[in-house]
C-alpha atoms as a PDB file:
ATOM      1  CA  MET A   1       0.000   0.000   0.000  1.00  0.00           C
ATOM      2  CA  LEU A   2       2.901   2.366   0.772  1.00  0.00           C
ATOM      3  CA  SER A   3       5.016   3.929  -1.921  1.00  0.00           C
ATOM      4  CA  ARG A   4       8.598   3.042  -2.782  1.00  0.00           C
ATOM      5  CA  ARG A   5       9.567   6.627  -1.951  1.00  0.00           C
ATOM      6  CA  THR A   6       8.169   6.158   1.563  1.00  0.00           C
ATOM      7  CA  MET A   7      10.096   2.914   1.963  1.00  0.00           C
ATOM      8  CA  LEU A   8      13.360   4.520   0.885  1.00  0.00           C
ATOM      9  CA  LEU A   9      12.877   7.411   3.303  1.00  0.00           C
ATOM     10  CA  GLY A  10      12.355   4.964   6.149  1.00  0.00           C
ATOM     11  CA  LEU A  11      15.383   2.907   5.151  1.00  0.00           C
ATOM     12  CA  ALA A  12      17.545   6.001   5.192  1.00  0.00           C
ATOM     13  CA  LEU A  13      16.705   6.446   8.868  1.00  0.00           C
ATOM     14  CA  LEU A  14      17.074   2.802   9.857  1.00  0.00           C
ATOM     15  CA  PRO A  15      20.596   3.149  11.366  1.00  0.00           C
ATOM     16  CA  ALA A  16      19.086   5.276  14.164  1.00  0.00           C
ATOM     17  CA  LEU A  17      17.299   2.183  15.506  1.00  0.00           C
ATOM     18  CA  SER A  18      18.756   0.003  18.239  1.00  0.00           C
ATOM     19  CA  PRO A  19      17.463  -2.977  20.261  1.00  0.00           C
ATOM     20  CA  VAL A  20      15.423  -2.669  23.454  1.00  0.00           C
ATOM     21  CA  GLU A  21      14.548  -5.431  25.862  1.00  0.00           C
ATOM     22  CA  SER A  22      10.958  -4.977  27.004  1.00  0.00           C
ATOM     23  CA  LEU A  23       7.943  -2.674  26.792  1.00  0.00           C
ATOM     24  CA  ALA A  24       4.605  -2.242  28.541  1.00  0.00           C
ATOM     25  CA  ASP A  25       1.365  -3.684  27.202  1.00  0.00           C
ATOM     26  CA  PRO A  26       0.551  -1.899  23.925  1.00  0.00           C
ATOM     27  CA  ARG A  27      -2.244   0.690  23.969  1.00  0.00           C
ATOM     28  CA  PRO A  28      -4.261   2.145  22.376  1.00  0.00           C
ATOM     29  CA  GLY A  29      -5.840  -0.597  20.343  1.00  0.00           C
ATOM     30  CA  ALA A  30      -7.160   1.342  17.352  1.00  0.00           C
ATOM     31  CA  VAL A  31      -6.161   4.067  14.903  1.00  0.00           C
ATOM     32  CA  ILE A  32      -8.939   5.879  13.071  1.00  0.00           C
ATOM     33  CA  GLU A  33      -8.107   8.311  10.273  1.00  0.00           C
ATOM     34  CA  LEU A  34     -10.814  10.753   9.210  1.00  0.00           C
ATOM     35  CA  PHE A  35     -10.370  12.105   5.695  1.00  0.00           C
ATOM     36  CA  THR A  36     -12.325  15.358   5.626  1.00  0.00           C
ATOM     37  CA  SER A  37     -12.537  18.734   3.907  1.00  0.00           C
ATOM     38  CA  GLN A  38     -13.690  22.245   4.760  1.00  0.00           C
ATOM     39  CA  GLY A  39     -15.264  22.306   1.297  1.00  0.00           C
ATOM     40  CA  CYS A  40     -17.475  19.261   1.916  1.00  0.00           C
ATOM     41  CA  SER A  41     -20.999  19.949   3.187  1.00  0.00           C
ATOM     42  CA  SER A  42     -21.335  16.343   4.426  1.00  0.00           C
ATOM     43  CA  CYS A  43     -18.222  16.544   6.614  1.00  0.00           C
ATOM     44  CA  PRO A  44     -19.136  18.738   9.634  1.00  0.00           C
ATOM     45  CA  PRO A  45     -21.090  15.953  11.422  1.00  0.00           C
ATOM     46  CA  ALA A  46     -18.069  13.644  11.042  1.00  0.00           C
ATOM     47  CA  ASP A  47     -15.701  16.361  12.247  1.00  0.00           C
ATOM     48  CA  ALA A  48     -17.868  16.868  15.348  1.00  0.00           C
ATOM     49  CA  LEU A  49     -18.137  13.115  15.950  1.00  0.00           C
ATOM     50  CA  LEU A  50     -14.371  12.723  15.874  1.00  0.00           C
ATOM     51  CA  GLN A  51     -14.153  14.725  19.096  1.00  0.00           C
ATOM     52  CA  SER A  52     -15.695  11.829  21.019  1.00  0.00           C
ATOM     53  CA  TYR A  53     -12.993   9.479  19.702  1.00  0.00           C
ATOM     54  CA  ALA A  54     -10.255  12.045  20.282  1.00  0.00           C
ATOM     55  CA  GLU A  55     -11.195  12.023  23.969  1.00  0.00           C
ATOM     56  CA  ARG A  56     -10.770   8.246  24.286  1.00  0.00           C
ATOM     57  CA  SER A  57      -7.519   6.828  25.657  1.00  0.00           C
ATOM     58  CA  ASP A  58      -7.888   3.554  23.731  1.00  0.00           C
ATOM     59  CA  VAL A  59      -7.994   5.218  20.304  1.00  0.00           C
ATOM     60  CA  VAL A  60      -5.637   7.326  18.203  1.00  0.00           C
ATOM     61  CA  ALA A  61      -8.195   9.453  16.341  1.00  0.00           C
ATOM     62  CA  LEU A  62      -6.846  11.774  13.637  1.00  0.00           C
ATOM     63  CA  SER A  63      -8.191  14.307  11.140  1.00  0.00           C
ATOM     64  CA  LEU A  64      -6.425  14.330   7.769  1.00  0.00           C
ATOM     65  CA  PRO A  65      -7.882  17.111   5.599  1.00  0.00           C
ATOM     66  CA  VAL A  66      -7.718  16.514   1.849  1.00  0.00           C
ATOM     67  CA  ASP A  67      -7.472  19.076  -0.942  1.00  0.00           C
ATOM     68  CA  TYR A  68      -9.503  17.681  -3.833  1.00  0.00           C
ATOM     69  CA  TRP A  69     -12.668  19.661  -3.011  1.00  0.00           C
ATOM     70  CA  ASP A  70     -10.835  23.010  -3.170  1.00  0.00           C
ATOM     71  CA  TYR A  71     -12.248  23.634  -6.658  1.00  0.00           C
ATOM     72  CA  LEU A  72     -15.735  24.090  -5.171  1.00  0.00           C
ATOM     73  CA  GLY A  73     -14.839  27.620  -4.086  1.00  0.00           C
ATOM     74  CA  TRP A  74     -12.970  27.323  -0.776  1.00  0.00           C
ATOM     75  CA  LYS A  75      -9.356  26.253  -0.365  1.00  0.00           C
ATOM     76  CA  ASP A  76      -9.077  24.046   2.724  1.00  0.00           C
ATOM     77  CA  THR A  77      -6.680  25.840   5.069  1.00  0.00           C
ATOM     78  CA  LEU A  78      -5.559  22.616   6.778  1.00  0.00           C
ATOM     79  CA  ALA A  79      -5.361  20.247   3.809  1.00  0.00           C
ATOM     80  CA  SER A  80      -2.255  18.575   2.449  1.00  0.00           C
ATOM     81  CA  PRO A  81      -1.789  16.720  -0.839  1.00  0.00           C
ATOM     82  CA  LYS A  82       0.072  14.109   1.227  1.00  0.00           C
ATOM     83  CA  TYR A  83      -3.174  13.179   2.957  1.00  0.00           C
ATOM     84  CA  THR A  84      -4.954  13.019  -0.390  1.00  0.00           C
ATOM     85  CA  ARG A  85      -2.280  10.603  -1.647  1.00  0.00           C
ATOM     86  CA  ARG A  86      -2.590   8.539   1.525  1.00  0.00           C
ATOM     87  CA  GLN A  87      -6.361   8.286   1.106  1.00  0.00           C
ATOM     88  CA  ARG A  88      -5.997   7.306  -2.538  1.00  0.00           C
ATOM     89  CA  ALA A  89      -3.527   4.576  -1.581  1.00  0.00           C
ATOM     90  CA  TYR A  90      -6.087   3.229   0.878  1.00  0.00           C
ATOM     91  CA  ALA A  91      -8.825   3.439  -1.758  1.00  0.00           C
ATOM     92  CA  LYS A  92      -6.712   1.432  -4.181  1.00  0.00           C
ATOM     93  CA  SER A  93      -6.094  -1.268  -1.577  1.00  0.00           C
ATOM     94  CA  PHE A  94      -9.830  -1.402  -0.733  1.00  0.00           C
ATOM     95  CA  GLY A  95     -10.907  -1.411  -4.379  1.00  0.00           C
ATOM     96  CA  ALA A  96     -13.002   1.694  -3.730  1.00  0.00           C
ATOM     97  CA  GLN A  97     -13.118   5.401  -4.593  1.00  0.00           C
ATOM     98  CA  PRO A  98     -11.957   8.130  -2.179  1.00  0.00           C
ATOM     99  CA  TYR A  99     -14.788  10.087  -0.560  1.00  0.00           C
ATOM    100  CA  THR A 100     -15.423  12.437   2.327  1.00  0.00           C
ATOM    101  CA  PRO A 101     -16.084  12.026   5.129  1.00  0.00           C
ATOM    102  CA  GLN A 102     -14.259   8.694   5.190  1.00  0.00           C
ATOM    103  CA  VAL A 103     -12.846   6.945   8.254  1.00  0.00           C
ATOM    104  CA  VAL A 104     -10.181   4.271   7.823  1.00  0.00           C
ATOM    105  CA  VAL A 105      -9.886   1.981  10.841  1.00  0.00           C
ATOM    106  CA  ASN A 106      -6.588   0.279  11.703  1.00  0.00           C
ATOM    107  CA  GLY A 107      -5.619   0.470   8.023  1.00  0.00           C
ATOM    108  CA  LEU A 108      -7.942  -2.438   7.250  1.00  0.00           C
ATOM    109  CA  THR A 109     -11.404  -1.120   6.450  1.00  0.00           C
ATOM    110  CA  HIS A 110     -13.345   2.065   5.799  1.00  0.00           C
ATOM    111  CA  VAL A 111     -16.727   3.469   6.816  1.00  0.00           C
ATOM    112  CA  VAL A 112     -18.608   6.750   6.491  1.00  0.00           C
ATOM    113  CA  GLY A 113     -17.076   9.133   8.993  1.00  0.00           C
ATOM    114  CA  SER A 114     -20.364  10.357  10.446  1.00  0.00           C
ATOM    115  CA  HIS A 115     -21.689   6.864  11.304  1.00  0.00           C
ATOM    116  CA  ALA A 116     -20.629   6.200  14.898  1.00  0.00           C
ATOM    117  CA  GLY A 117     -22.087   2.690  15.016  1.00  0.00           C
ATOM    118  CA  ASP A 118     -20.186   1.634  11.904  1.00  0.00           C
ATOM    119  CA  ILE A 119     -16.958   3.098  13.294  1.00  0.00           C
ATOM    120  CA  ASP A 120     -17.395   1.247  16.593  1.00  0.00           C
ATOM    121  CA  ARG A 121     -18.083  -2.041  14.823  1.00  0.00           C
ATOM    122  CA  ALA A 122     -15.068  -1.531  12.563  1.00  0.00           C
ATOM    123  CA  ILE A 123     -12.861  -0.894  15.589  1.00  0.00           C
ATOM    124  CA  GLU A 124     -13.918  -4.136  17.247  1.00  0.00           C
ATOM    125  CA  LYS A 125     -13.714  -6.145  14.021  1.00  0.00           C
ATOM    126  CA  THR A 126     -10.228  -4.949  13.109  1.00  0.00           C
ATOM    127  CA  LYS A 127      -8.931  -5.364  16.642  1.00  0.00           C
ATOM    128  CA  ALA A 128      -9.992  -9.008  16.414  1.00  0.00           C
ATOM    129  CA  GLN A 129      -8.324  -9.350  13.002  1.00  0.00           C
ATOM    130  CA  ILE A 130      -5.047  -7.982  14.333  1.00  0.00           C
ATOM    131  CA  GLY A 131      -5.287 -10.040  17.517  1.00  0.00           C
ATOM    132  CA  SER A 132      -1.957 -11.367  18.751  1.00  0.00           C
ATOM    133  CA  SER A 133      -0.052  -9.617  15.951  1.00  0.00           C
ATOM    134  CA  ARG A 134      -0.134  -6.379  17.939  1.00  0.00           C
ATOM    135  CA  VAL A 135       3.255  -5.276  19.257  1.00  0.00           C
ATOM    136  CA  PRO A 136       4.169  -2.810  22.026  1.00  0.00           C
ATOM    137  CA  LEU A 137       5.000   0.780  21.132  1.00  0.00           C
ATOM    138  CA  SER A 138       5.667   3.728  23.434  1.00  0.00           C
ATOM    139  CA  LEU A 139       6.826   7.339  23.216  1.00  0.00           C
ATOM    140  CA  HIS A 140       8.521   9.544  25.773  1.00  0.00           C
ATOM    141  CA  THR A 141      10.493  12.774  25.829  1.00  0.00           C
ATOM    142  CA  ASP A 142      12.842  14.675  28.110  1.00  0.00           C
ATOM    143  CA  GLY A 143      12.122  17.907  26.253  1.00  0.00           C
ATOM    144  CA  ARG A 144      15.167  17.552  24.049  1.00  0.00           C
ATOM    145  CA  THR A 145      14.873  14.042  22.600  1.00  0.00           C
ATOM    146  CA  LEU A 146      11.718  12.244  21.525  1.00  0.00           C
ATOM    147  CA  THR A 147      12.199   8.498  21.935  1.00  0.00           C
ATOM    148  CA  ILE A 148      10.067   5.809  20.304  1.00  0.00           C
ATOM    149  CA  ASP A 149      10.395   2.222  21.557  1.00  0.00           C
ATOM    150  CA  ILE A 150       9.002  -0.665  19.500  1.00  0.00           C
ATOM    151  CA  GLY A 151       8.644  -4.260  20.639  1.00  0.00           C
ATOM    152  CA  SER A 152       9.453  -7.384  18.677  1.00  0.00           C
ATOM    153  CA  ALA A 153       7.005  -9.236  16.459  1.00  0.00           C
ATOM    154  CA  VAL A 154       4.805 -11.853  18.068  1.00  0.00           C
ATOM    155  CA  SER A 155       3.720 -13.372  14.765  1.00  0.00           C
ATOM    156  CA  GLY A 156       6.107 -14.421  12.034  1.00  0.00           C
ATOM    157  CA  ASP A 157       3.728 -12.886   9.490  1.00  0.00           C
ATOM    158  CA  GLU A 158       4.400  -9.316  10.684  1.00  0.00           C
ATOM    159  CA  THR A 159       8.076  -8.611  10.078  1.00  0.00           C
ATOM    160  CA  ALA A 160       8.151  -5.519   7.842  1.00  0.00           C
ATOM    161  CA  GLY A 161       6.507  -2.225   8.617  1.00  0.00           C
ATOM    162  CA  THR A 162       6.740   1.549   8.475  1.00  0.00           C
ATOM    163  CA  LEU A 163       6.885   3.639  11.635  1.00  0.00           C
ATOM    164  CA  TRP A 164       4.756   6.771  11.157  1.00  0.00           C
ATOM    165  CA  LEU A 165       4.959   9.899  13.294  1.00  0.00           C
ATOM    166  CA  ALA A 166       2.231  12.554  13.387  1.00  0.00           C
ATOM    167  CA  ALA A 167       2.418  16.061  14.807  1.00  0.00           C
ATOM    168  CA  VAL A 168      -1.156  16.845  15.839  1.00  0.00           C
ATOM    169  CA  ARG A 169      -3.026  20.052  16.659  1.00  0.00           C
ATOM    170  CA  PRO A 170      -5.654  19.148  19.313  1.00  0.00           C
ATOM    171  CA  ARG A 171      -8.275  21.623  18.055  1.00  0.00           C
ATOM    172  CA  VAL A 172      -8.527  24.101  15.207  1.00  0.00           C
ATOM    173  CA  ASP A 173     -11.501  26.425  14.610  1.00  0.00           C
ATOM    174  CA  ILE A 174     -12.041  27.693  11.061  1.00  0.00           C
ATOM    175  CA  ASP A 175     -14.373  30.376   9.693  1.00  0.00           C
ATOM    176  CA  VAL A 176     -15.330  29.176   6.222  1.00  0.00           C
ATOM    177  CA  ARG A 177     -16.123  32.129   3.962  1.00  0.00           C
ATOM    178  CA  ARG A 178     -16.888  30.437   0.630  1.00  0.00           C
ATOM    179  CA  GLY A 179     -17.922  27.103  -0.815  1.00  0.00           C
ATOM    180  CA  GLU A 180     -20.455  24.569   0.462  1.00  0.00           C
ATOM    181  CA  ASN A 181     -19.883  25.486   4.125  1.00  0.00           C
ATOM    182  CA  ARG A 182     -19.873  29.258   3.610  1.00  0.00           C
ATOM    183  CA  GLY A 183     -20.706  31.222   6.753  1.00  0.00           C
ATOM    184  CA  ARG A 184     -20.042  28.337   9.131  1.00  0.00           C
ATOM    185  CA  LYS A 185     -17.479  28.166  11.924  1.00  0.00           C
ATOM    186  CA  LEU A 186     -16.164  24.596  11.961  1.00  0.00           C
ATOM    187  CA  SER A 187     -14.111  22.844  14.636  1.00  0.00           C
ATOM    188  CA  TYR A 188     -11.573  20.147  13.850  1.00  0.00           C
ATOM    189  CA  PHE A 189     -10.017  17.789  16.372  1.00  0.00           C
ATOM    190  CA  ASN A 190      -6.608  16.089  16.369  1.00  0.00           C
ATOM    191  CA  VAL A 191      -5.675  17.693  13.061  1.00  0.00           C
ATOM    192  CA  VAL A 192      -2.488  16.211  11.631  1.00  0.00           C
ATOM    193  CA  ARG A 193      -0.116  19.068  10.792  1.00  0.00           C
ATOM    194  CA  GLU A 194       2.694  16.803   9.653  1.00  0.00           C
ATOM    195  CA  LEU A 195       2.803  13.074   8.927  1.00  0.00           C
ATOM    196  CA  THR A 196       6.207  11.505   8.392  1.00  0.00           C
ATOM    197  CA  PRO A 197       7.552   7.965   7.925  1.00  0.00           C
ATOM    198  CA  VAL A 198      10.514   7.968  10.332  1.00  0.00           C
ATOM    199  CA  GLY A 199      11.805   4.387  10.188  1.00  0.00           C
ATOM    200  CA  MET A 200      11.410   0.855   8.925  1.00  0.00           C
ATOM    201  CA  TRP A 201      10.727  -2.030  11.322  1.00  0.00           C
ATOM    202  CA  SER A 202      11.975  -5.538  10.599  1.00  0.00           C
ATOM    203  CA  GLY A 203      10.202  -7.429  13.371  1.00  0.00           C
ATOM    204  CA  LYS A 204      12.872  -6.877  16.023  1.00  0.00           C
ATOM    205  CA  ALA A 205      12.666  -4.677  19.121  1.00  0.00           C
ATOM    206  CA  ALA A 206      14.031  -1.231  18.309  1.00  0.00           C
ATOM    207  CA  LYS A 207      14.467   2.348  19.500  1.00  0.00           C
ATOM    208  CA  LEU A 208      14.370   5.586  17.509  1.00  0.00           C
ATOM    209  CA  GLU A 209      15.455   8.971  18.858  1.00  0.00           C
ATOM    210  CA  LEU A 210      14.416  12.264  17.240  1.00  0.00           C
ATOM    211  CA  PRO A 211      15.004  15.947  18.132  1.00  0.00           C
ATOM    212  CA  HIS A 212      11.920  17.021  20.097  1.00  0.00           C
ATOM    213  CA  GLY A 213      11.990  20.646  18.971  1.00  0.00           C
ATOM    214  CA  GLU A 214      12.191  19.754  15.304  1.00  0.00           C
ATOM    215  CA  THR A 215       9.255  17.368  15.612  1.00  0.00           C
ATOM    216  CA  LEU A 216       6.661  19.236  17.681  1.00  0.00           C
ATOM    217  CA  ARG A 217       5.487  22.815  18.066  1.00  0.00           C
ATOM    218  CA  ASN A 218       4.074  24.299  21.264  1.00  0.00           C
ATOM    219  CA  GLY A 219       0.633  22.974  22.098  1.00  0.00           C
ATOM    220  CA  GLU A 220       0.822  19.988  19.759  1.00  0.00           C
ATOM    221  CA  ARG A 221       0.323  16.309  20.517  1.00  0.00           C
ATOM    222  CA  CYS A 222       2.355  13.506  19.010  1.00  0.00           C
ATOM    223  CA  ALA A 223       1.233  10.054  17.878  1.00  0.00           C
ATOM    224  CA  ALA A 224       3.131   7.161  16.340  1.00  0.00           C
ATOM    225  CA  TRP A 225       2.022   3.917  14.784  1.00  0.00           C
ATOM    226  CA  LEU A 226       3.472   0.896  13.062  1.00  0.00           C
ATOM    227  CA  GLN A 227       1.889  -0.093   9.747  1.00  0.00           C
ATOM    228  CA  VAL A 228       2.614  -3.375   7.976  1.00  0.00           C
ATOM    229  CA  GLU A 229       3.881  -2.873   4.439  1.00  0.00           C
ATOM    230  CA  ALA A 230       2.140  -5.811   2.786  1.00  0.00           C
ATOM    231  CA  THR A 231      -1.361  -5.462   4.241  1.00  0.00           C
ATOM    232  CA  GLY A 232      -1.645  -1.881   5.526  1.00  0.00           C
ATOM    233  CA  ARG A 233      -2.770  -3.129   8.947  1.00  0.00           C
ATOM    234  CA  ILE A 234      -1.703  -1.067  11.950  1.00  0.00           C
ATOM    235  CA  ILE A 235      -0.272  -3.341  14.625  1.00  0.00           C
ATOM    236  CA  ALA A 236       0.958  -0.771  17.151  1.00  0.00           C
ATOM    237  CA  ALA A 237       0.052   2.783  18.149  1.00  0.00           C
ATOM    238  CA  ALA A 238       0.692   5.241  20.958  1.00  0.00           C
ATOM    239  CA  TRP A 239       0.333   8.864  22.014  1.00  0.00           C
ATOM    240  CA  LEU A 240       3.169  10.784  23.586  1.00  0.00           C
ATOM    241  CA  PRO A 241       2.030  11.216  27.220  1.00  0.00           C
ATOM    242  CA  PRO A 242       1.633  14.813  28.446  1.00  0.00           C
ATOM    243  CA  ARG A 243       4.549  16.117  30.487  1.00  0.00           C
END
């Protein structure tokens, strides 16, 4: 599902990884990615719903605004073509077309982003699919260095993955002045400002250290997850705990 360019970027950073011995039980157990747009009149209910998932400790809930509705008269102020490409890669793997609002759950399935019941069922279904393949992952910082620890593979089937790091703005309020949502003030939760593949995982316990100040801005949160190359499934995820 992931591009060769992404794989090469991760490989370039691989020497920064080193073994670790043990990690705590992995949590949270689900990653949900909401693909949304300020130019989409169907998206505000999904954007509001995401807040309830953003408040849960067992879920990494993220907003990834896309740019392909900009032609409708309002340029999304939070969108990135990188998120559009990510959604299209998912769509290709699912044999579907990109749409908004779309939620992708644990990299394995997609549902309409405003349907809470479907999201909840997808979380439980994909958690069962991942099962014992899940590996521990944790983040911590001393204010200077951001450290990511990854456990070793439990299953022999999961031995190649990309470690993703997201810098996240907890809440952003936008006054939309044109387009389908003209005149509305919309709130977005856990908006991904930057999404970067920072390393490749080969099934062995590892550690990655990054400069804290170059990764996060004041007031931002940080999430990381491990995504299997072959299947797209997310087998580990964590938030950086507040200091």
